[in-house]
Amino acid sequence: MNRPRKQLSPFAARWLAEIRRLEETQQGSPEDDSEAVRQARLQSPDPEQRIVWRARFLAEGTAAWQALHDWQHGLRLAVLAATVLALLIGFTSALAVLGDGSRAVNIIWALGALLGLNALMLLVWLLGLLLMRRHGSGGGLLGRLSLWLARRLAGRRRGLPGRALTGLLASRGLEPWLLSGITHFLWFLMLLAAAAGLLLALSLRSYDFIWETTILSPEVFVHFVRISGALPATLGFQVPDAELVRQSASGLLGEQDRVEAWGRIWASWLLGCLLVYGILPRLLLSLISLLRLWLGLHRYRLDTRSPEWLALAARLQPDSERGGVTDPQRADPGAAELKRRADASGPPALLSLEMDEVPDWPPNSLKGVELCRDADARDQRQNSVQAVQDWQPSRLLFACDARLSPDRGSLRFLQQLAAEAAASRVLLLQVEAAGEQRLLSWHESLTGLGFAEPEIMQNRAVALAWLEGDGHG
């Protein structure tokens, strides 16, 4: 097998590696990759780079490579389509706000129409950014719509690349910055196009500007115009004075020459507010978001100590590097120390993880054991975490289907709950159907979390006896 000829950016190469990992997880036992492993070992001494090179050797010319290309192409098309649409919406909205010049323009309504929705969406984005750690990632509606469109344009291959991209970005907290960058950039384009539409309309037509009210005092508008025009005035835009504001009330327009002069001042104030309170903030936020995203992607590395990469990193390690290891507890730099809660003295607990297809499970009768069944979905896992924290079990047994590949979310979930118990074990069921490679992956992943080999059990009777306190497991 020759060195891959096609070029990929560093992040795209890691994206491809994640696609391959998901493919192999779905397919079960991986294909014969002995030549890819040999080539990857020759390319780099770094474990992470070996994983990336192996994926490139296996993927080039396959469906995974084409799926990555389709997704990148779909993302570019989605951003291009969203850009064109944003420019059209912004330009036409400005023309709609001013009208055809046959009637006077309510200046306050015009400003609200140009900046009101933008200000509301900016507030929603800020709230999403502040609350994203508790309720998931923020980023903005336009960014999410662009990614949805990218998935559609990618066609039938959109599944795995989309999941891989979301997983990679979420693992480093970069997803909100991608969505925010797209959202702010599209809003910037809309507002910039709106400013261009205003300039064109104001250059070709004559407009009268008024304001109207039933219950408010004219002084309210005087103060509003003065405060809102303070920042635009520093950039050279004209701001109506108190007399002009009062005289611009409906029915008090005055002589035609004065109206035309006042119209230029109102137009300058309107453009200044659009620039200062709309265009510049969105431009600044888009630059900040895209810079954060670029820095994150530039520094991105696959975490070879995480459970999903640990077994593969070990396979890619040359035999010569393995031979010098004499202490098995120190051989794996990614192995973690599993936390225990020494003061936990509650009832023993049994938690089933993705066990829908396992027959005769859970057991019908267990003495004094609390049950958490089928902790699969996110809300179910949150309920299980709360329950185990309330119980503080003295013994906690996790039951897992060995036919399924251990994924990052499940392993972190086990690690989190194990910290709430005084002692914990993992029971692997369906081991006969799982296959040697899948079973090895479970053992390597669990020991990487900090479980000792005796704590990884395959005998149902012995495990349940340990849980009930009738045996030592």
Protein backbone atom coordinates (compact mmCIF):
# COMPACT_ATOMS: atom_id res chain seq x y z
CA MET A 1 0.00 0.00 0.00
CA ASN A 2 1.41 3.37 -1.00
CA ARG A 3 1.34 6.62 0.87
CA PRO A 4 -2.03 8.43 0.38
CA ARG A 5 -1.72 10.94 -2.44
CA LYS A 6 -4.70 13.17 -1.72
CA GLN A 7 -4.16 16.06 0.66
CA LEU A 8 -6.27 16.73 3.73
CA SER A 9 -6.09 19.51 6.26
CA PRO A 10 -4.96 18.38 9.75
CA PHE A 11 -8.48 18.61 11.15
CA ALA A 12 -10.03 16.89 8.12
CA ALA A 13 -7.58 14.00 8.62
CA ARG A 14 -8.74 13.63 12.22
CA TRP A 15 -12.33 13.93 11.07
CA LEU A 16 -11.67 11.04 8.69
CA ALA A 17 -10.17 8.99 11.53
CA GLU A 18 -13.34 9.50 13.58
CA ILE A 19 -15.49 8.44 10.60
CA ARG A 20 -13.45 5.25 10.30
CA ARG A 21 -13.80 4.58 14.02
CA LEU A 22 -17.58 4.91 13.83
CA GLU A 23 -17.68 2.65 10.77
CA GLU A 24 -15.68 -0.04 12.54
CA THR A 25 -17.86 0.30 15.62
CA GLN A 26 -20.96 -0.34 13.52
CA GLN A 27 -19.47 -3.17 11.49
CA GLY A 28 -18.03 -5.08 14.43
CA SER A 29 -14.70 -6.74 13.71
CA PRO A 30 -12.53 -4.43 11.59
CA GLU A 31 -11.17 -5.46 8.19
CA ASP A 32 -7.64 -6.74 7.75
CA ASP A 33 -5.54 -3.68 8.46
CA SER A 34 -2.11 -5.26 8.99
CA GLU A 35 -0.55 -3.34 6.11
CA ALA A 36 -2.15 -0.07 7.21
CA VAL A 37 -0.85 -0.63 10.76
CA ARG A 38 2.65 -1.34 9.43
CA GLN A 39 2.64 1.77 7.26
CA ALA A 40 1.26 3.94 10.08
CA ARG A 41 4.05 2.80 12.40
CA LEU A 42 6.61 3.87 9.80
CA GLN A 43 5.07 7.32 9.28
CA SER A 44 5.32 8.76 12.78
CA PRO A 45 6.40 7.92 16.32
CA ASP A 46 3.40 9.83 17.67
CA PRO A 47 0.42 7.58 18.63
CA GLU A 48 -2.12 10.15 17.48
CA GLN A 49 -0.48 10.52 14.07
CA ARG A 50 -0.36 6.74 13.69
CA ILE A 51 -4.14 6.63 14.18
CA VAL A 52 -4.61 9.36 11.57
CA TRP A 53 -2.31 7.69 9.04
CA ARG A 54 -3.98 4.30 9.50
CA ALA A 55 -7.37 5.87 8.80
CA ARG A 56 -6.06 7.55 5.65
CA PHE A 57 -4.53 4.33 4.32
CA LEU A 58 -7.76 2.42 4.90
CA ALA A 59 -10.15 5.14 3.75
CA GLU A 60 -8.67 6.53 0.53
CA GLY A 61 -10.84 5.52 -2.40
CA THR A 62 -13.56 4.07 -0.14
CA ALA A 63 -17.05 5.26 0.83
CA ALA A 64 -15.66 6.94 3.95
CA TRP A 65 -13.32 9.13 1.88
CA GLN A 66 -16.14 10.06 -0.51
CA ALA A 67 -18.50 10.76 2.40
CA LEU A 68 -15.99 13.20 3.90
CA HIS A 69 -15.60 14.92 0.52
CA ASP A 70 -19.38 15.13 0.07
CA TRP A 71 -19.84 16.62 3.53
CA GLN A 72 -17.14 19.25 2.99
CA HIS A 73 -18.67 20.12 -0.39
CA GLY A 74 -22.14 20.26 1.16
CA LEU A 75 -20.94 22.57 3.92
CA ARG A 76 -19.38 24.96 1.40
CA LEU A 77 -22.54 24.96 -0.71
CA ALA A 78 -24.70 25.55 2.37
CA VAL A 79 -22.63 28.55 3.46
CA LEU A 80 -22.67 29.94 -0.10
CA ALA A 81 -26.45 29.52 -0.39
CA ALA A 82 -26.97 31.09 3.05
CA THR A 83 -24.69 33.99 2.07
CA VAL A 84 -26.66 34.76 -1.09
CA LEU A 85 -29.95 34.48 0.78
CA ALA A 86 -28.72 36.78 3.57
CA LEU A 87 -27.67 39.44 1.07
CA LEU A 88 -31.03 39.30 -0.72
CA ILE A 89 -33.02 39.46 2.54
CA GLY A 90 -31.00 42.41 3.84
CA PHE A 91 -31.20 44.41 0.62
CA THR A 92 -34.91 43.87 0.05
CA SER A 93 -35.77 44.57 3.69
CA ALA A 94 -34.19 48.01 3.47
CA LEU A 95 -36.20 48.83 0.34
CA ALA A 96 -39.38 47.58 2.01
CA VAL A 97 -38.78 49.71 5.12
CA LEU A 98 -38.40 52.96 3.14
CA GLY A 99 -41.11 52.25 0.59
CA ASP A 100 -41.48 54.04 -2.74
CA GLY A 101 -41.29 57.59 -1.35
CA SER A 102 -44.97 58.35 -1.87
CA ARG A 103 -45.57 58.69 1.87
CA ALA A 104 -43.54 59.86 4.83
CA VAL A 105 -41.40 57.26 6.64
CA ASN A 106 -41.89 56.78 10.37
CA ILE A 107 -38.23 56.97 11.41
CA ILE A 108 -38.68 55.09 14.69
CA TRP A 109 -40.50 52.22 12.96
CA ALA A 110 -37.78 52.11 10.31
CA LEU A 111 -35.04 51.78 12.92
CA GLY A 112 -37.00 49.10 14.76
CA ALA A 113 -37.59 47.14 11.55
CA LEU A 114 -33.91 47.21 10.67
CA LEU A 115 -32.46 46.41 14.11
CA GLY A 116 -35.29 44.93 16.20
CA LEU A 117 -35.06 41.29 15.11
CA ASN A 118 -31.28 41.47 15.07
CA ALA A 119 -31.24 42.70 18.69
CA LEU A 120 -33.68 39.98 19.77
CA MET A 121 -31.65 37.20 18.12
CA LEU A 122 -28.46 38.59 19.62
CA LEU A 123 -30.04 38.38 23.07
CA VAL A 124 -31.10 34.77 22.40
CA TRP A 125 -27.54 33.94 21.33
CA LEU A 126 -26.10 35.47 24.50
CA LEU A 127 -28.49 33.50 26.69
CA GLY A 128 -27.65 30.30 24.81
CA LEU A 129 -23.93 30.94 25.23
CA LEU A 130 -24.30 31.57 28.96
CA LEU A 131 -26.42 28.48 29.53
CA MET A 132 -24.74 26.07 27.10
CA ARG A 133 -22.84 24.18 29.82
CA ARG A 134 -26.10 23.29 31.53
CA HIS A 135 -28.47 22.82 28.60
CA GLY A 136 -26.21 21.93 25.67
CA SER A 137 -24.41 24.00 23.12
CA GLY A 138 -25.58 27.40 21.94
CA GLY A 139 -24.50 29.00 18.70
CA GLY A 140 -27.49 30.56 16.99
CA LEU A 141 -30.35 29.50 14.76
CA LEU A 142 -28.73 30.48 11.46
CA GLY A 143 -25.68 28.35 12.23
CA ARG A 144 -27.83 25.31 12.97
CA LEU A 145 -29.87 25.83 9.82
CA SER A 146 -26.64 25.99 7.78
CA LEU A 147 -25.43 22.67 9.22
CA TRP A 148 -28.84 21.13 8.57
CA LEU A 149 -28.62 22.29 4.95
CA ALA A 150 -25.08 20.88 4.71
CA ARG A 151 -26.39 17.48 5.82
CA ARG A 152 -29.07 17.60 3.15
CA LEU A 153 -26.62 18.59 0.42
CA ALA A 154 -24.26 15.78 1.47
CA GLY A 155 -26.89 13.28 0.33
CA ARG A 156 -27.23 9.71 1.51
CA ARG A 157 -23.76 9.65 3.08
CA ARG A 158 -24.52 12.39 5.57
CA GLY A 159 -24.96 10.18 8.66
CA LEU A 160 -21.49 9.17 9.84
CA PRO A 161 -19.56 12.33 8.81
CA GLY A 162 -22.15 14.48 10.58
CA ARG A 163 -21.95 12.41 13.76
CA ALA A 164 -18.16 12.39 13.59
CA LEU A 165 -17.95 16.16 13.13
CA THR A 166 -20.39 16.83 15.97
CA GLY A 167 -18.48 14.48 18.27
CA LEU A 168 -15.10 16.02 17.51
CA LEU A 169 -16.29 19.59 17.94
CA ALA A 170 -18.27 18.83 21.11
CA SER A 171 -15.30 17.08 22.73
CA ARG A 172 -13.32 20.35 22.66
CA GLY A 173 -16.23 22.78 23.09
CA LEU A 174 -15.85 24.08 19.51
CA GLU A 175 -19.37 23.46 18.23
CA PRO A 176 -20.82 26.69 19.74
CA TRP A 177 -18.04 28.73 18.10
CA LEU A 178 -18.68 27.16 14.67
CA LEU A 179 -22.41 27.85 14.92
CA SER A 180 -21.81 31.33 16.37
CA GLY A 181 -19.34 32.22 13.63
CA ILE A 182 -21.79 31.23 10.90
CA THR A 183 -24.70 32.99 12.63
CA HIS A 184 -22.90 36.29 13.22
CA PHE A 185 -21.38 36.31 9.73
CA LEU A 186 -24.78 35.84 8.08
CA TRP A 187 -26.32 38.57 10.23
CA PHE A 188 -23.39 40.84 9.34
CA LEU A 189 -24.06 40.24 5.64
CA MET A 190 -27.79 40.91 6.04
CA LEU A 191 -27.21 44.20 7.85
CA LEU A 192 -24.48 45.23 5.41
CA ALA A 193 -26.84 44.54 2.50
CA ALA A 194 -29.54 46.52 4.32
CA ALA A 195 -27.16 49.48 4.57
CA ALA A 196 -26.42 49.18 0.85
CA GLY A 197 -30.16 49.13 0.12
CA LEU A 198 -30.68 52.24 2.26
CA LEU A 199 -27.90 54.10 0.48
CA LEU A 200 -29.28 53.17 -2.93
CA ALA A 201 -32.84 54.17 -2.05
CA LEU A 202 -31.79 57.41 -0.38
CA SER A 203 -29.65 58.29 -3.39
CA LEU A 204 -32.42 57.78 -5.94
CA ARG A 205 -35.54 58.92 -4.07
CA SER A 206 -36.61 61.71 -1.76
CA TYR A 207 -38.07 60.68 1.60
CA ASP A 208 -39.81 62.61 4.37
CA PHE A 209 -39.12 61.33 7.91
CA ILE A 210 -41.59 61.75 10.75
CA TRP A 211 -42.42 60.19 14.09
CA GLU A 212 -45.85 59.73 15.63
CA THR A 213 -47.24 59.14 19.11
CA THR A 214 -50.52 59.18 20.99
CA ILE A 215 -49.49 59.02 24.63
CA LEU A 216 -45.76 59.81 24.74
CA SER A 217 -44.25 63.23 25.21
CA PRO A 218 -42.02 64.65 22.45
CA GLU A 219 -39.22 64.79 25.04
CA VAL A 220 -39.13 61.00 25.05
CA PHE A 221 -38.11 61.03 21.40
CA VAL A 222 -35.71 63.90 21.95
CA HIS A 223 -33.83 61.91 24.61
CA PHE A 224 -33.97 58.69 22.60
CA VAL A 225 -32.48 60.30 19.48
CA ARG A 226 -29.81 62.09 21.50
CA ILE A 227 -28.72 58.93 23.38
CA SER A 228 -28.86 56.60 20.39
CA GLY A 229 -26.96 59.10 18.23
CA ALA A 230 -24.07 59.60 20.67
CA LEU A 231 -21.91 56.78 19.29
CA PRO A 232 -22.70 57.40 15.60
CA ALA A 233 -21.83 61.06 16.12
CA THR A 234 -18.27 60.09 17.12
CA LEU A 235 -17.90 58.51 13.66
CA GLY A 236 -19.08 61.67 11.87
CA PHE A 237 -22.77 60.87 11.39
CA GLN A 238 -25.25 63.70 11.84
CA VAL A 239 -27.72 63.58 14.74
CA PRO A 240 -30.99 65.57 14.81
CA ASP A 241 -31.11 68.22 17.51
CA ALA A 242 -34.02 68.71 19.88
CA GLU A 243 -35.76 71.29 17.68
CA LEU A 244 -35.57 69.08 14.61
CA VAL A 245 -36.99 66.12 16.54
CA ARG A 246 -39.92 68.19 17.81
CA GLN A 247 -40.60 69.67 14.38
CA SER A 248 -40.54 66.22 12.74
CA ALA A 249 -43.72 65.16 14.48
CA SER A 250 -46.55 64.19 12.14
CA GLY A 251 -48.12 67.30 10.62
CA LEU A 252 -45.31 69.64 11.67
CA LEU A 253 -42.94 69.19 8.74
CA GLY A 254 -42.67 72.85 7.78
CA GLU A 255 -41.31 74.26 4.55
CA GLN A 256 -40.08 71.99 1.76
CA ASP A 257 -36.44 73.16 1.82
CA ARG A 258 -36.25 72.57 5.55
CA VAL A 259 -37.84 69.15 5.14
CA GLU A 260 -35.18 68.15 2.60
CA ALA A 261 -32.36 69.30 4.87
CA TRP A 262 -33.90 67.53 7.83
CA GLY A 263 -34.34 64.40 5.72
CA ARG A 264 -30.57 64.23 5.12
CA ILE A 265 -29.92 64.51 8.86
CA TRP A 266 -32.45 61.78 9.68
CA ALA A 267 -30.97 59.55 6.97
CA SER A 268 -27.49 60.05 8.41
CA TRP A 269 -28.72 59.17 11.91
CA LEU A 270 -30.48 56.06 10.62
CA LEU A 271 -27.40 54.82 8.76
CA GLY A 272 -25.18 55.59 11.75
CA CYS A 273 -27.38 53.59 14.11
CA LEU A 274 -27.47 50.67 11.67
CA LEU A 275 -23.68 50.69 11.44
CA VAL A 276 -22.88 51.14 15.14
CA TYR A 277 -25.59 48.97 16.69
CA GLY A 278 -25.95 46.35 13.98
CA ILE A 279 -23.11 45.90 11.49
CA LEU A 280 -20.07 46.50 13.70
CA PRO A 281 -21.19 44.28 16.64
CA ARG A 282 -22.00 41.39 14.31
CA LEU A 283 -18.69 41.82 12.47
CA LEU A 284 -16.76 41.83 15.75
CA LEU A 285 -18.61 38.79 17.13
CA SER A 286 -18.14 36.84 13.90
CA LEU A 287 -14.39 37.55 13.94
CA ILE A 288 -14.11 36.51 17.60
CA SER A 289 -16.10 33.30 17.04
CA LEU A 290 -14.22 32.30 13.89
CA LEU A 291 -10.88 33.08 15.54
CA ARG A 292 -11.77 30.87 18.51
CA LEU A 293 -12.83 28.14 16.09
CA TRP A 294 -9.66 28.47 14.01
CA LEU A 295 -7.42 28.31 17.07
CA GLY A 296 -9.32 25.29 18.38
CA LEU A 297 -9.07 23.43 15.06
CA HIS A 298 -5.41 24.39 14.68
CA ARG A 299 -4.58 22.90 18.09
CA TYR A 300 -6.91 19.92 17.80
CA ARG A 301 -5.49 16.50 18.66
CA LEU A 302 -7.19 13.16 19.11
CA ASP A 303 -7.10 12.11 22.75
CA THR A 304 -5.33 8.74 22.57
CA ARG A 305 -5.91 8.29 26.31
CA SER A 306 -9.68 8.26 25.88
CA PRO A 307 -11.45 4.86 25.89
CA GLU A 308 -12.44 4.95 22.22
CA TRP A 309 -8.84 5.38 21.01
CA LEU A 310 -6.94 3.52 23.72
CA ALA A 311 -7.14 0.03 22.20
CA LEU A 312 -6.21 1.23 18.70
CA ALA A 313 -3.28 3.27 19.99
CA ALA A 314 -1.99 0.13 21.73
CA ARG A 315 -2.30 -1.91 18.50
CA LEU A 316 -0.35 0.70 16.58
CA GLN A 317 2.51 0.66 19.09
CA PRO A 318 5.49 -1.27 17.66
CA ASP A 319 6.54 -4.45 19.45
CA SER A 320 9.94 -2.93 20.15
CA GLU A 321 8.28 -0.17 22.18
CA ARG A 322 6.13 -2.63 24.08
CA GLY A 323 9.04 -4.88 25.05
CA GLY A 324 10.60 -2.45 27.48
CA VAL A 325 7.53 -2.25 29.68
CA THR A 326 7.77 -4.33 32.84
CA ASP A 327 5.22 -2.71 35.12
CA PRO A 328 1.71 -3.42 33.77
CA GLN A 329 0.16 -0.70 35.91
CA ARG A 330 2.40 1.92 34.30
CA ALA A 331 2.41 0.55 30.78
CA ASP A 332 -0.64 2.52 29.78
CA PRO A 333 -0.19 6.27 30.26
CA GLY A 334 -3.93 6.74 29.70
CA ALA A 335 -5.06 4.50 32.55
CA ALA A 336 -7.00 6.47 35.11
CA GLU A 337 -7.50 5.92 38.81
CA LEU A 338 -11.14 5.06 39.39
CA LYS A 339 -12.63 7.18 42.15
CA ARG A 340 -14.53 5.47 44.97
CA ARG A 341 -16.78 6.81 47.68
CA ALA A 342 -15.51 5.18 50.84
CA ASP A 343 -18.39 6.45 52.99
CA ALA A 344 -21.12 5.06 50.70
CA SER A 345 -23.21 2.60 52.74
CA GLY A 346 -26.54 2.49 50.91
CA PRO A 347 -28.24 -0.55 49.39
CA PRO A 348 -26.54 -2.36 46.51
CA ALA A 349 -27.65 -1.26 43.06
CA LEU A 350 -27.82 -2.81 39.59
CA LEU A 351 -27.68 -0.63 36.49
CA SER A 352 -28.40 -2.02 33.01
CA LEU A 353 -26.79 -0.22 30.08
CA GLU A 354 -28.28 -0.81 26.60
CA MET A 355 -29.58 -4.29 27.43
CA ASP A 356 -32.80 -4.31 25.37
CA GLU A 357 -31.71 -7.30 23.28
CA VAL A 358 -30.38 -9.47 26.14
CA PRO A 359 -32.79 -12.31 27.06
CA ASP A 360 -33.85 -12.97 30.68
CA TRP A 361 -32.63 -9.61 31.87
CA PRO A 362 -32.92 -8.09 34.39
CA PRO A 363 -33.19 -10.88 36.99
CA ASN A 364 -36.65 -11.33 38.42
CA SER A 365 -35.70 -11.34 42.08
CA LEU A 366 -32.79 -9.73 43.86
CA LYS A 367 -32.70 -9.31 47.61
CA GLY A 368 -32.54 -5.66 48.69
CA VAL A 369 -31.09 -4.43 45.41
CA GLU A 370 -32.07 -1.16 43.75
CA LEU A 371 -32.63 -1.35 39.98
CA CYS A 372 -31.90 1.18 37.20
CA ARG A 373 -33.07 -0.31 33.90
CA ASP A 374 -32.05 0.52 30.35
CA ALA A 375 -30.07 3.73 30.93
CA ASP A 376 -29.81 4.46 27.19
CA ALA A 377 -31.21 7.90 26.42
CA ARG A 378 -29.82 11.12 27.85
CA ASP A 379 -32.76 11.76 30.17
CA GLN A 380 -32.65 8.17 31.42
CA ARG A 381 -28.99 8.52 32.25
CA GLN A 382 -29.59 11.76 34.09
CA ASN A 383 -32.27 10.03 36.16
CA SER A 384 -29.88 7.16 36.87
CA VAL A 385 -27.16 9.56 38.02
CA GLN A 386 -29.59 11.26 40.39
CA ALA A 387 -30.82 7.92 41.73
CA VAL A 388 -27.34 6.53 42.39
CA GLN A 389 -26.28 9.79 44.05
CA ASP A 390 -29.29 9.49 46.36
CA TRP A 391 -28.70 5.81 47.14
CA GLN A 392 -24.90 6.00 47.65
CA PRO A 393 -24.69 2.22 47.14
CA SER A 394 -22.15 0.12 48.98
CA ARG A 395 -21.93 -2.14 45.89
CA LEU A 396 -22.78 -1.12 42.31
CA LEU A 397 -22.94 -3.57 39.41
CA PHE A 398 -23.00 -2.37 35.80
CA ALA A 399 -24.48 -4.82 33.28
CA CYS A 400 -23.36 -4.25 29.69
CA ASP A 401 -23.97 -6.04 26.39
CA ALA A 402 -20.52 -7.14 25.21
CA ARG A 403 -21.74 -7.32 21.59
CA LEU A 404 -21.87 -3.52 21.49
CA SER A 405 -18.66 -1.52 21.19
CA PRO A 406 -17.77 0.61 24.20
CA ASP A 407 -18.31 4.24 23.29
CA ARG A 408 -17.02 7.37 24.94
CA GLY A 409 -20.34 8.46 26.40
CA SER A 410 -21.10 5.09 28.00
CA LEU A 411 -17.63 4.76 29.52
CA ARG A 412 -17.74 8.25 31.01
CA PHE A 413 -21.18 7.43 32.37
CA LEU A 414 -19.82 4.31 34.10
CA GLN A 415 -16.89 6.27 35.48
CA GLN A 416 -19.19 8.98 36.84
CA LEU A 417 -21.48 6.53 38.64
CA ALA A 418 -18.65 4.36 39.96
CA ALA A 419 -17.44 7.39 41.89
CA GLU A 420 -20.72 7.35 43.89
CA ALA A 421 -20.29 3.79 45.19
CA ALA A 422 -17.95 2.18 47.68
CA ALA A 423 -17.26 -0.73 45.29
CA SER A 424 -18.25 -1.39 41.70
CA ARG A 425 -18.03 -4.18 39.15
CA VAL A 426 -18.87 -4.54 35.44
CA LEU A 427 -20.72 -7.61 34.18
CA LEU A 428 -20.29 -8.33 30.47
CA LEU A 429 -23.10 -10.42 29.00
CA GLN A 430 -23.42 -12.13 25.61
CA VAL A 431 -19.64 -12.62 25.52
CA GLU A 432 -19.92 -15.71 23.29
CA ALA A 433 -21.56 -13.65 20.54
CA ALA A 434 -19.32 -10.63 21.04
CA GLY A 435 -16.15 -12.05 19.54
CA GLU A 436 -12.58 -11.90 20.79
CA GLN A 437 -11.78 -8.46 19.36
CA ARG A 438 -14.88 -6.80 20.83
CA LEU A 439 -14.27 -8.43 24.22
CA LEU A 440 -10.66 -7.24 24.17
CA SER A 441 -11.85 -3.73 23.38
CA TRP A 442 -14.15 -3.82 26.44
CA HIS A 443 -11.35 -4.97 28.73
CA GLU A 444 -8.88 -2.40 27.43
CA SER A 445 -11.42 0.41 27.71
CA LEU A 446 -12.54 -0.53 31.23
CA THR A 447 -9.00 -0.97 32.54
CA GLY A 448 -8.24 2.40 30.96
CA LEU A 449 -10.95 3.88 33.18
CA GLY A 450 -9.37 2.32 36.27
CA PHE A 451 -11.30 -0.93 36.70
CA ALA A 452 -9.04 -3.81 37.76
CA GLU A 453 -9.30 -7.04 35.77
CA PRO A 454 -11.05 -8.92 38.66
CA GLU A 455 -13.71 -6.18 38.62
CA ILE A 456 -14.61 -7.02 35.00
CA MET A 457 -16.84 -10.10 35.26
CA GLN A 458 -18.42 -12.45 32.74
CA ASN A 459 -20.18 -14.95 35.03
CA ARG A 460 -23.72 -13.79 35.75
CA ALA A 461 -24.24 -15.93 38.84
CA VAL A 462 -20.98 -14.87 40.48
CA ALA A 463 -21.62 -11.20 39.72
CA LEU A 464 -25.15 -11.26 41.17
CA ALA A 465 -23.90 -13.13 44.22
CA TRP A 466 -21.29 -10.41 44.79
CA LEU A 467 -24.01 -7.76 44.40
CA GLU A 468 -26.23 -9.40 47.02
CA GLY A 469 -23.32 -9.81 49.38
CA ASP A 470 -23.24 -13.61 49.15
CA GLY A 471 -19.88 -13.82 47.43
CA HIS A 472 -16.72 -11.89 46.68
CA GLY A 473 -16.89 -11.94 42.88
